[in-house]
Amino acid sequence: MEAGKVFYRQGFVQTGRVYFKLVVKGKGRHGSSPHMANDAIVAGTHFVTTAQTIVSRRLSPFETGVVTIGSRDNLMSLKIK
Protein backbone atom coordinates (compact mmCIF):
# COMPACT_ATOMS: atom_id res chain seq x y z
CA MET A 1 0.00 0.00 0.00
CA GLU A 2 1.26 3.48 -0.84
CA ALA A 3 2.22 5.85 1.95
CA GLY A 4 -0.52 8.38 2.62
CA LYS A 5 -3.30 6.10 1.35
CA VAL A 6 -6.07 4.47 3.36
CA PHE A 7 -7.17 0.93 2.55
CA TYR A 8 -10.75 -0.15 3.10
CA ARG A 9 -12.45 -3.40 2.35
CA GLN A 10 -15.75 -4.73 3.61
CA GLY A 11 -15.32 -7.73 5.90
CA PHE A 12 -12.24 -8.95 7.72
CA VAL A 13 -8.74 -8.01 6.66
CA GLN A 14 -5.65 -9.53 8.22
CA THR A 15 -2.01 -9.44 7.31
CA GLY A 16 -1.20 -12.71 9.00
CA ARG A 17 -1.47 -14.49 12.28
CA VAL A 18 0.06 -17.39 14.09
CA TYR A 19 -1.46 -19.45 16.87
CA PHE A 20 0.27 -21.84 19.16
CA LYS A 21 -0.33 -23.48 22.49
CA LEU A 22 2.29 -23.43 25.19
CA VAL A 23 2.18 -25.76 28.18
CA VAL A 24 4.62 -24.98 30.98
CA LYS A 25 5.16 -27.87 33.36
CA GLY A 26 6.87 -27.39 36.67
CA LYS A 27 7.94 -29.55 39.55
CA GLY A 28 6.02 -28.89 42.75
CA ARG A 29 7.48 -28.96 46.23
CA HIS A 30 6.46 -28.03 49.73
CA GLY A 31 6.58 -24.34 50.64
CA SER A 32 9.47 -25.04 52.99
CA SER A 33 11.73 -26.08 50.09
CA PRO A 34 10.97 -23.83 47.11
CA HIS A 35 14.58 -24.14 45.97
CA MET A 36 13.84 -27.78 45.09
CA ALA A 37 10.94 -26.88 42.78
CA ASN A 38 10.62 -25.62 39.22
CA ASP A 39 7.91 -22.98 39.40
CA ALA A 40 5.72 -23.15 36.30
CA ILE A 41 4.10 -19.79 37.12
CA VAL A 42 7.44 -17.98 37.17
CA ALA A 43 8.51 -19.69 33.93
CA GLY A 44 5.19 -18.86 32.25
CA THR A 45 5.25 -15.21 33.28
CA HIS A 46 8.85 -14.92 32.09
CA PHE A 47 7.71 -16.20 28.69
CA VAL A 48 4.88 -13.64 28.56
CA THR A 49 7.23 -10.79 29.51
CA THR A 50 9.78 -11.84 26.90
CA ALA A 51 7.16 -12.29 24.17
CA GLN A 52 5.79 -8.80 24.83
CA THR A 53 9.18 -7.32 23.94
CA ILE A 54 8.99 -8.70 20.39
CA VAL A 55 7.05 -5.66 19.22
CA SER A 56 8.89 -3.05 21.26
CA ARG A 57 12.44 -4.31 20.67
CA ARG A 58 12.38 -6.17 17.36
CA LEU A 59 10.18 -4.03 15.12
CA SER A 60 10.76 -0.55 13.81
CA PRO A 61 8.30 2.08 15.08
CA PHE A 62 7.19 2.37 11.44
CA GLU A 63 6.09 -1.28 11.29
CA THR A 64 2.94 -2.69 12.82
CA GLY A 65 2.87 -5.65 15.15
CA VAL A 66 0.76 -7.08 17.93
CA VAL A 67 1.49 -9.87 20.39
CA THR A 68 -1.59 -11.12 22.21
CA ILE A 69 -1.33 -13.69 24.96
CA GLY A 70 -4.22 -15.42 26.65
CA SER A 71 -7.24 -15.18 24.38
CA ARG A 72 -10.11 -17.48 23.59
CA ASP A 73 -11.92 -17.63 20.27
CA ASN A 74 -15.71 -17.54 20.18
CA LEU A 75 -16.12 -17.29 23.93
CA MET A 76 -18.29 -14.82 25.81
CA SER A 77 -17.95 -14.81 29.57
CA LEU A 78 -21.06 -15.02 31.71
CA LYS A 79 -19.43 -13.25 34.64
CA ILE A 80 -16.26 -11.46 35.59
CA LYS A 81 -14.67 -10.73 38.97
PDB file of N, CA and C in Angstrom:
ATOM      1  N   MET A   1       0.840  -1.165   0.000  1.00  0.00           N
ATOM      2  CA  MET A   1       0.000   0.000   0.000  1.00  0.00           C
ATOM      3  C   MET A   1       0.891   1.237   0.000  1.00  0.00           C
ATOM      4  N   GLU A   2       0.506   2.223  -0.755  1.00  0.00           N
ATOM      5  CA  GLU A   2       1.257   3.482  -0.838  1.00  0.00           C
ATOM      6  C   GLU A   2       1.154   4.279   0.450  1.00  0.00           C
ATOM      7  N   ALA A   3       2.248   4.962   0.789  1.00  0.00           N
ATOM      8  CA  ALA A   3       2.219   5.854   1.951  1.00  0.00           C
ATOM      9  C   ALA A   3       1.202   6.957   1.710  1.00  0.00           C
ATOM     10  N   GLY A   4       0.463   7.317   2.732  1.00  0.00           N
ATOM     11  CA  GLY A   4      -0.524   8.380   2.622  1.00  0.00           C
ATOM     12  C   GLY A   4      -1.882   7.911   2.126  1.00  0.00           C
ATOM     13  N   LYS A   5      -2.027   6.640   1.833  1.00  0.00           N
ATOM     14  CA  LYS A   5      -3.299   6.096   1.346  1.00  0.00           C
ATOM     15  C   LYS A   5      -3.982   5.307   2.459  1.00  0.00           C
ATOM     16  N   VAL A   6      -5.288   5.236   2.401  1.00  0.00           N
ATOM     17  CA  VAL A   6      -6.070   4.466   3.357  1.00  0.00           C
ATOM     18  C   VAL A   6      -6.699   3.307   2.604  1.00  0.00           C
ATOM     19  N   PHE A   7      -6.599   2.126   3.172  1.00  0.00           N
ATOM     20  CA  PHE A   7      -7.168   0.934   2.553  1.00  0.00           C
ATOM     21  C   PHE A   7      -8.459   0.578   3.266  1.00  0.00           C
ATOM     22  N   TYR A   8      -9.488   0.274   2.514  1.00  0.00           N
ATOM     23  CA  TYR A   8     -10.755  -0.150   3.099  1.00  0.00           C
ATOM     24  C   TYR A   8     -11.314  -1.303   2.288  1.00  0.00           C
ATOM     25  N   ARG A   9     -11.801  -2.275   2.998  1.00  0.00           N
ATOM     26  CA  ARG A   9     -12.447  -3.400   2.352  1.00  0.00           C
ATOM     27  C   ARG A   9     -13.523  -3.914   3.290  1.00  0.00           C
ATOM     28  N   GLN A  10     -14.678  -4.206   2.770  1.00  0.00           N
ATOM     29  CA  GLN A  10     -15.751  -4.726   3.608  1.00  0.00           C
ATOM     30  C   GLN A  10     -15.380  -6.130   4.086  1.00  0.00           C
ATOM     31  N   GLY A  11     -15.648  -6.419   5.343  1.00  0.00           N
ATOM     32  CA  GLY A  11     -15.324  -7.726   5.904  1.00  0.00           C
ATOM     33  C   GLY A  11     -14.017  -7.683   6.666  1.00  0.00           C
ATOM     34  N   PHE A  12     -13.472  -8.843   6.928  1.00  0.00           N
ATOM     35  CA  PHE A  12     -12.245  -8.952   7.716  1.00  0.00           C
ATOM     36  C   PHE A  12     -11.017  -8.821   6.829  1.00  0.00           C
ATOM     37  N   VAL A  13     -10.015  -8.150   7.359  1.00  0.00           N
ATOM     38  CA  VAL A  13      -8.738  -8.008   6.663  1.00  0.00           C
ATOM     39  C   VAL A  13      -7.639  -8.300   7.677  1.00  0.00           C
ATOM     40  N   GLN A  14      -6.755  -9.196   7.324  1.00  0.00           N
ATOM     41  CA  GLN A  14      -5.647  -9.525   8.215  1.00  0.00           C
ATOM     42  C   GLN A  14      -4.377  -9.660   7.391  1.00  0.00           C
ATOM     43  N   THR A  15      -3.280  -9.292   8.004  1.00  0.00           N
ATOM     44  CA  THR A  15      -2.009  -9.439   7.314  1.00  0.00           C
ATOM     45  C   THR A  15      -1.368 -10.782   7.606  1.00  0.00           C
ATOM     46  N   GLY A  16      -1.748 -11.412   8.643  1.00  0.00           N
ATOM     47  CA  GLY A  16      -1.202 -12.714   8.998  1.00  0.00           C
ATOM     48  C   GLY A  16      -1.315 -12.942  10.487  1.00  0.00           C
ATOM     49  N   ARG A  17      -1.407 -14.184  10.859  1.00  0.00           N
ATOM     50  CA  ARG A  17      -1.470 -14.489  12.277  1.00  0.00           C
ATOM     51  C   ARG A  17      -0.962 -15.901  12.510  1.00  0.00           C
ATOM     52  N   VAL A  18      -0.482 -16.097  13.697  1.00  0.00           N
ATOM     53  CA  VAL A  18       0.058 -17.388  14.090  1.00  0.00           C
ATOM     54  C   VAL A  18      -0.511 -17.743  15.453  1.00  0.00           C
ATOM     55  N   TYR A  19      -0.954 -18.968  15.590  1.00  0.00           N
ATOM     56  CA  TYR A  19      -1.463 -19.446  16.870  1.00  0.00           C
ATOM     57  C   TYR A  19      -0.598 -20.604  17.336  1.00  0.00           C
ATOM     58  N   PHE A  20      -0.383 -20.668  18.603  1.00  0.00           N
ATOM     59  CA  PHE A  20       0.272 -21.843  19.163  1.00  0.00           C
ATOM     60  C   PHE A  20      -0.144 -21.989  20.613  1.00  0.00           C
ATOM     61  N   LYS A  21      -0.025 -23.186  21.101  1.00  0.00           N
ATOM     62  CA  LYS A  21      -0.328 -23.484  22.494  1.00  0.00           C
ATOM     63  C   LYS A  21       0.975 -23.761  23.211  1.00  0.00           C
ATOM     64  N   LEU A  22       1.105 -23.219  24.384  1.00  0.00           N
ATOM     65  CA  LEU A  22       2.292 -23.432  25.194  1.00  0.00           C
ATOM     66  C   LEU A  22       1.859 -24.032  26.526  1.00  0.00           C
ATOM     67  N   VAL A  23       2.440 -25.137  26.886  1.00  0.00           N
ATOM     68  CA  VAL A  23       2.182 -25.762  28.178  1.00  0.00           C
ATOM     69  C   VAL A  23       3.483 -25.714  28.963  1.00  0.00           C
ATOM     70  N   VAL A  24       3.442 -25.074  30.114  1.00  0.00           N
ATOM     71  CA  VAL A  24       4.619 -24.981  30.975  1.00  0.00           C
ATOM     72  C   VAL A  24       4.394 -25.933  32.143  1.00  0.00           C
ATOM     73  N   LYS A  25       5.276 -26.892  32.274  1.00  0.00           N
ATOM     74  CA  LYS A  25       5.159 -27.867  33.359  1.00  0.00           C
ATOM     75  C   LYS A  25       6.265 -27.622  34.365  1.00  0.00           C
ATOM     76  N   GLY A  26       5.899 -27.594  35.610  1.00  0.00           N
ATOM     77  CA  GLY A  26       6.871 -27.390  36.675  1.00  0.00           C
ATOM     78  C   GLY A  26       7.010 -28.630  37.537  1.00  0.00           C
ATOM     79  N   LYS A  27       7.742 -28.470  38.583  1.00  0.00           N
ATOM     80  CA  LYS A  27       7.942 -29.548  39.552  1.00  0.00           C
ATOM     81  C   LYS A  27       7.593 -28.967  40.915  1.00  0.00           C
ATOM     82  N   GLY A  28       6.485 -29.433  41.482  1.00  0.00           N
ATOM     83  CA  GLY A  28       6.023 -28.887  42.746  1.00  0.00           C
ATOM     84  C   GLY A  28       6.817 -29.398  43.941  1.00  0.00           C
ATOM     85  N   ARG A  29       6.838 -28.603  44.956  1.00  0.00           N
ATOM     86  CA  ARG A  29       7.476 -28.956  46.226  1.00  0.00           C
ATOM     87  C   ARG A  29       6.710 -28.288  47.350  1.00  0.00           C
ATOM     88  N   HIS A  30       7.049 -28.638  48.541  1.00  0.00           N
ATOM     89  CA  HIS A  30       6.462 -28.029  49.727  1.00  0.00           C
ATOM     90  C   HIS A  30       6.982 -26.598  49.850  1.00  0.00           C
ATOM     91  N   GLY A  31       6.193 -25.739  50.464  1.00  0.00           N
ATOM     92  CA  GLY A  31       6.582 -24.338  50.636  1.00  0.00           C
ATOM     93  C   GLY A  31       7.856 -24.145  51.437  1.00  0.00           C
ATOM     94  N   SER A  32       8.243 -25.156  52.203  1.00  0.00           N
ATOM     95  CA  SER A  32       9.474 -25.041  52.992  1.00  0.00           C
ATOM     96  C   SER A  32      10.734 -25.296  52.168  1.00  0.00           C
ATOM     97  N   SER A  33      10.556 -25.810  50.934  1.00  0.00           N
ATOM     98  CA  SER A  33      11.730 -26.075  50.093  1.00  0.00           C
ATOM     99  C   SER A  33      11.503 -25.610  48.654  1.00  0.00           C
ATOM    100  N   PRO A  34      11.232 -24.320  48.463  1.00  0.00           N
ATOM    101  CA  PRO A  34      10.971 -23.828  47.107  1.00  0.00           C
ATOM    102  C   PRO A  34      12.187 -23.948  46.191  1.00  0.00           C
ATOM    103  N   HIS A  35      13.360 -24.014  46.768  1.00  0.00           N
ATOM    104  CA  HIS A  35      14.578 -24.141  45.969  1.00  0.00           C
ATOM    105  C   HIS A  35      14.680 -25.508  45.286  1.00  0.00           C
ATOM    106  N   MET A  36      13.855 -26.451  45.688  1.00  0.00           N
ATOM    107  CA  MET A  36      13.845 -27.782  45.088  1.00  0.00           C
ATOM    108  C   MET A  36      12.780 -27.905  43.989  1.00  0.00           C
ATOM    109  N   ALA A  37      12.038 -26.843  43.746  1.00  0.00           N
ATOM    110  CA  ALA A  37      10.943 -26.877  42.776  1.00  0.00           C
ATOM    111  C   ALA A  37      11.320 -26.131  41.501  1.00  0.00           C
ATOM    112  N   ASN A  38      10.559 -26.399  40.461  1.00  0.00           N
ATOM    113  CA  ASN A  38      10.617 -25.621  39.220  1.00  0.00           C
ATOM    114  C   ASN A  38       9.247 -24.972  39.082  1.00  0.00           C
ATOM    115  N   ASP A  39       9.183 -23.693  39.327  1.00  0.00           N
ATOM    116  CA  ASP A  39       7.910 -22.981  39.397  1.00  0.00           C
ATOM    117  C   ASP A  39       7.384 -22.677  37.999  1.00  0.00           C
ATOM    118  N   ALA A  40       6.306 -23.347  37.616  1.00  0.00           N
ATOM    119  CA  ALA A  40       5.717 -23.148  36.296  1.00  0.00           C
ATOM    120  C   ALA A  40       5.151 -21.739  36.139  1.00  0.00           C
ATOM    121  N   ILE A  41       4.659 -21.146  37.202  1.00  0.00           N
ATOM    122  CA  ILE A  41       4.101 -19.793  37.118  1.00  0.00           C
ATOM    123  C   ILE A  41       5.196 -18.786  36.792  1.00  0.00           C
ATOM    124  N   VAL A  42       6.325 -18.898  37.452  1.00  0.00           N
ATOM    125  CA  VAL A  42       7.438 -17.982  37.171  1.00  0.00           C
ATOM    126  C   VAL A  42       7.928 -18.171  35.741  1.00  0.00           C
ATOM    127  N   ALA A  43       8.061 -19.420  35.297  1.00  0.00           N
ATOM    128  CA  ALA A  43       8.511 -19.685  33.928  1.00  0.00           C
ATOM    129  C   ALA A  43       7.508 -19.150  32.909  1.00  0.00           C
ATOM    130  N   GLY A  44       6.223 -19.352  33.166  1.00  0.00           N
ATOM    131  CA  GLY A  44       5.192 -18.861  32.247  1.00  0.00           C
ATOM    132  C   GLY A  44       5.148 -17.349  32.164  1.00  0.00           C
ATOM    133  N   THR A  45       5.269 -16.677  33.300  1.00  0.00           N
ATOM    134  CA  THR A  45       5.250 -15.213  33.277  1.00  0.00           C
ATOM    135  C   THR A  45       6.513 -14.651  32.633  1.00  0.00           C
ATOM    136  N   HIS A  46       7.624 -15.350  32.775  1.00  0.00           N
ATOM    137  CA  HIS A  46       8.850 -14.921  32.088  1.00  0.00           C
ATOM    138  C   HIS A  46       8.662 -15.013  30.573  1.00  0.00           C
ATOM    139  N   PHE A  47       8.001 -16.069  30.117  1.00  0.00           N
ATOM    140  CA  PHE A  47       7.714 -16.197  28.687  1.00  0.00           C
ATOM    141  C   PHE A  47       6.845 -15.048  28.199  1.00  0.00           C
ATOM    142  N   VAL A  48       5.783 -14.734  28.946  1.00  0.00           N
ATOM    143  CA  VAL A  48       4.883 -13.641  28.558  1.00  0.00           C
ATOM    144  C   VAL A  48       5.646 -12.319  28.487  1.00  0.00           C
ATOM    145  N   THR A  49       6.453 -12.033  29.486  1.00  0.00           N
ATOM    146  CA  THR A  49       7.230 -10.792  29.505  1.00  0.00           C
ATOM    147  C   THR A  49       8.181 -10.719  28.317  1.00  0.00           C
ATOM    148  N   THR A  50       8.851 -11.813  28.028  1.00  0.00           N
ATOM    149  CA  THR A  50       9.783 -11.845  26.902  1.00  0.00           C
ATOM    150  C   THR A  50       9.048 -11.699  25.574  1.00  0.00           C
ATOM    151  N   ALA A  51       7.923 -12.377  25.423  1.00  0.00           N
ATOM    152  CA  ALA A  51       7.162 -12.292  24.174  1.00  0.00           C
ATOM    153  C   ALA A  51       6.640 -10.880  23.929  1.00  0.00           C
ATOM    154  N   GLN A  52       6.292 -10.163  24.983  1.00  0.00           N
ATOM    155  CA  GLN A  52       5.791  -8.801  24.826  1.00  0.00           C
ATOM    156  C   GLN A  52       6.859  -7.856  24.283  1.00  0.00           C
ATOM    157  N   THR A  53       8.120  -8.196  24.449  1.00  0.00           N
ATOM    158  CA  THR A  53       9.182  -7.319  23.939  1.00  0.00           C
ATOM    159  C   THR A  53       9.426  -7.506  22.448  1.00  0.00           C
ATOM    160  N   ILE A  54       8.797  -8.490  21.828  1.00  0.00           N
ATOM    161  CA  ILE A  54       8.990  -8.697  20.389  1.00  0.00           C
ATOM    162  C   ILE A  54       8.627  -7.433  19.623  1.00  0.00           C
ATOM    163  N   VAL A  55       7.485  -6.859  19.938  1.00  0.00           N
ATOM    164  CA  VAL A  55       7.047  -5.659  19.220  1.00  0.00           C
ATOM    165  C   VAL A  55       7.906  -4.458  19.576  1.00  0.00           C
ATOM    166  N   SER A  56       8.179  -4.265  20.850  1.00  0.00           N
ATOM    167  CA  SER A  56       8.890  -3.050  21.262  1.00  0.00           C
ATOM    168  C   SER A  56      10.378  -3.075  20.948  1.00  0.00           C
ATOM    169  N   ARG A  57      10.985  -4.243  20.853  1.00  0.00           N
ATOM    170  CA  ARG A  57      12.437  -4.307  20.669  1.00  0.00           C
ATOM    171  C   ARG A  57      12.879  -4.872  19.330  1.00  0.00           C
ATOM    172  N   ARG A  58      11.989  -5.521  18.612  1.00  0.00           N
ATOM    173  CA  ARG A  58      12.380  -6.175  17.359  1.00  0.00           C
ATOM    174  C   ARG A  58      11.817  -5.506  16.114  1.00  0.00           C
ATOM    175  N   LEU A  59      10.793  -4.676  16.278  1.00  0.00           N
ATOM    176  CA  LEU A  59      10.178  -4.026  15.124  1.00  0.00           C
ATOM    177  C   LEU A  59      10.458  -2.535  15.136  1.00  0.00           C
ATOM    178  N   SER A  60      10.609  -1.994  13.960  1.00  0.00           N
ATOM    179  CA  SER A  60      10.760  -0.547  13.809  1.00  0.00           C
ATOM    180  C   SER A  60       9.455   0.131  14.227  1.00  0.00           C
ATOM    181  N   PRO A  61       9.526   1.355  14.742  1.00  0.00           N
ATOM    182  CA  PRO A  61       8.295   2.079  15.076  1.00  0.00           C
ATOM    183  C   PRO A  61       7.408   2.327  13.855  1.00  0.00           C
ATOM    184  N   PHE A  62       7.954   2.155  12.666  1.00  0.00           N
ATOM    185  CA  PHE A  62       7.186   2.375  11.442  1.00  0.00           C
ATOM    186  C   PHE A  62       6.523   1.098  10.938  1.00  0.00           C
ATOM    187  N   GLU A  63       6.737  -0.019  11.629  1.00  0.00           N
ATOM    188  CA  GLU A  63       6.090  -1.280  11.295  1.00  0.00           C
ATOM    189  C   GLU A  63       4.977  -1.543  12.302  1.00  0.00           C
ATOM    190  N   THR A  64       4.014  -2.337  11.898  1.00  0.00           N
ATOM    191  CA  THR A  64       2.938  -2.694  12.819  1.00  0.00           C
ATOM    192  C   THR A  64       3.156  -4.105  13.338  1.00  0.00           C
ATOM    193  N   GLY A  65       2.756  -4.322  14.556  1.00  0.00           N
ATOM    194  CA  GLY A  65       2.871  -5.646  15.149  1.00  0.00           C
ATOM    195  C   GLY A  65       2.091  -5.715  16.442  1.00  0.00           C
ATOM    196  N   VAL A  66       1.523  -6.860  16.707  1.00  0.00           N
ATOM    197  CA  VAL A  66       0.762  -7.079  17.930  1.00  0.00           C
ATOM    198  C   VAL A  66       1.091  -8.470  18.450  1.00  0.00           C
ATOM    199  N   VAL A  67       1.341  -8.570  19.730  1.00  0.00           N
ATOM    200  CA  VAL A  67       1.487  -9.867  20.389  1.00  0.00           C
ATOM    201  C   VAL A  67       0.375  -9.946  21.421  1.00  0.00           C
ATOM    202  N   THR A  68      -0.483 -10.927  21.280  1.00  0.00           N
ATOM    203  CA  THR A  68      -1.587 -11.118  22.212  1.00  0.00           C
ATOM    204  C   THR A  68      -1.401 -12.460  22.902  1.00  0.00           C
ATOM    205  N   ILE A  69      -1.504 -12.454  24.200  1.00  0.00           N
ATOM    206  CA  ILE A  69      -1.326 -13.691  24.961  1.00  0.00           C
ATOM    207  C   ILE A  69      -2.547 -13.889  25.843  1.00  0.00           C
ATOM    208  N   GLY A  70      -3.109 -15.084  25.775  1.00  0.00           N
ATOM    209  CA  GLY A  70      -4.223 -15.418  26.650  1.00  0.00           C
ATOM    210  C   GLY A  70      -5.571 -15.031  26.105  1.00  0.00           C
ATOM    211  N   SER A  71      -5.918 -15.489  24.930  1.00  0.00           N
ATOM    212  CA  SER A  71      -7.237 -15.178  24.381  1.00  0.00           C
ATOM    213  C   SER A  71      -7.980 -16.473  24.068  1.00  0.00           C
ATOM    214  N   ARG A  72      -9.259 -16.358  23.967  1.00  0.00           N
ATOM    215  CA  ARG A  72     -10.110 -17.481  23.594  1.00  0.00           C
ATOM    216  C   ARG A  72     -10.966 -17.051  22.414  1.00  0.00           C
ATOM    217  N   ASP A  73     -11.066 -17.916  21.420  1.00  0.00           N
ATOM    218  CA  ASP A  73     -11.918 -17.628  20.270  1.00  0.00           C
ATOM    219  C   ASP A  73     -13.356 -18.035  20.563  1.00  0.00           C
ATOM    220  N   ASN A  74     -14.280 -17.238  20.096  1.00  0.00           N
ATOM    221  CA  ASN A  74     -15.707 -17.542  20.179  1.00  0.00           C
ATOM    222  C   ASN A  74     -16.177 -17.850  21.595  1.00  0.00           C
ATOM    223  N   LEU A  75     -15.725 -17.068  22.543  1.00  0.00           N
ATOM    224  CA  LEU A  75     -16.115 -17.293  23.929  1.00  0.00           C
ATOM    225  C   LEU A  75     -16.590 -15.979  24.524  1.00  0.00           C
ATOM    226  N   MET A  76     -17.770 -15.999  25.124  1.00  0.00           N
ATOM    227  CA  MET A  76     -18.289 -14.825  25.811  1.00  0.00           C
ATOM    228  C   MET A  76     -18.514 -15.209  27.266  1.00  0.00           C
ATOM    229  N   SER A  77     -17.880 -14.496  28.149  1.00  0.00           N
ATOM    230  CA  SER A  77     -17.954 -14.811  29.574  1.00  0.00           C
ATOM    231  C   SER A  77     -19.320 -14.456  30.148  1.00  0.00           C
ATOM    232  N   LEU A  78     -19.798 -15.297  31.034  1.00  0.00           N
ATOM    233  CA  LEU A  78     -21.064 -15.023  31.710  1.00  0.00           C
ATOM    234  C   LEU A  78     -20.883 -14.124  32.913  1.00  0.00           C
ATOM    235  N   LYS A  79     -19.688 -14.128  33.504  1.00  0.00           N
ATOM    236  CA  LYS A  79     -19.433 -13.253  34.638  1.00  0.00           C
ATOM    237  C   LYS A  79     -17.944 -12.939  34.708  1.00  0.00           C
ATOM    238  N   ILE A  80     -17.646 -11.838  35.358  1.00  0.00           N
ATOM    239  CA  ILE A  80     -16.261 -11.460  35.593  1.00  0.00           C
ATOM    240  C   ILE A  80     -16.120 -11.044  37.044  1.00  0.00           C
ATOM    241  N   LYS A  81     -14.921 -11.142  37.580  1.00  0.00           N
ATOM    242  CA  LYS A  81     -14.671 -10.728  38.969  1.00  0.00           C
ATOM    243  C   LYS A  81     -13.562  -9.714  38.989  1.00  0.00           C
TER     244      LYS A  81
END
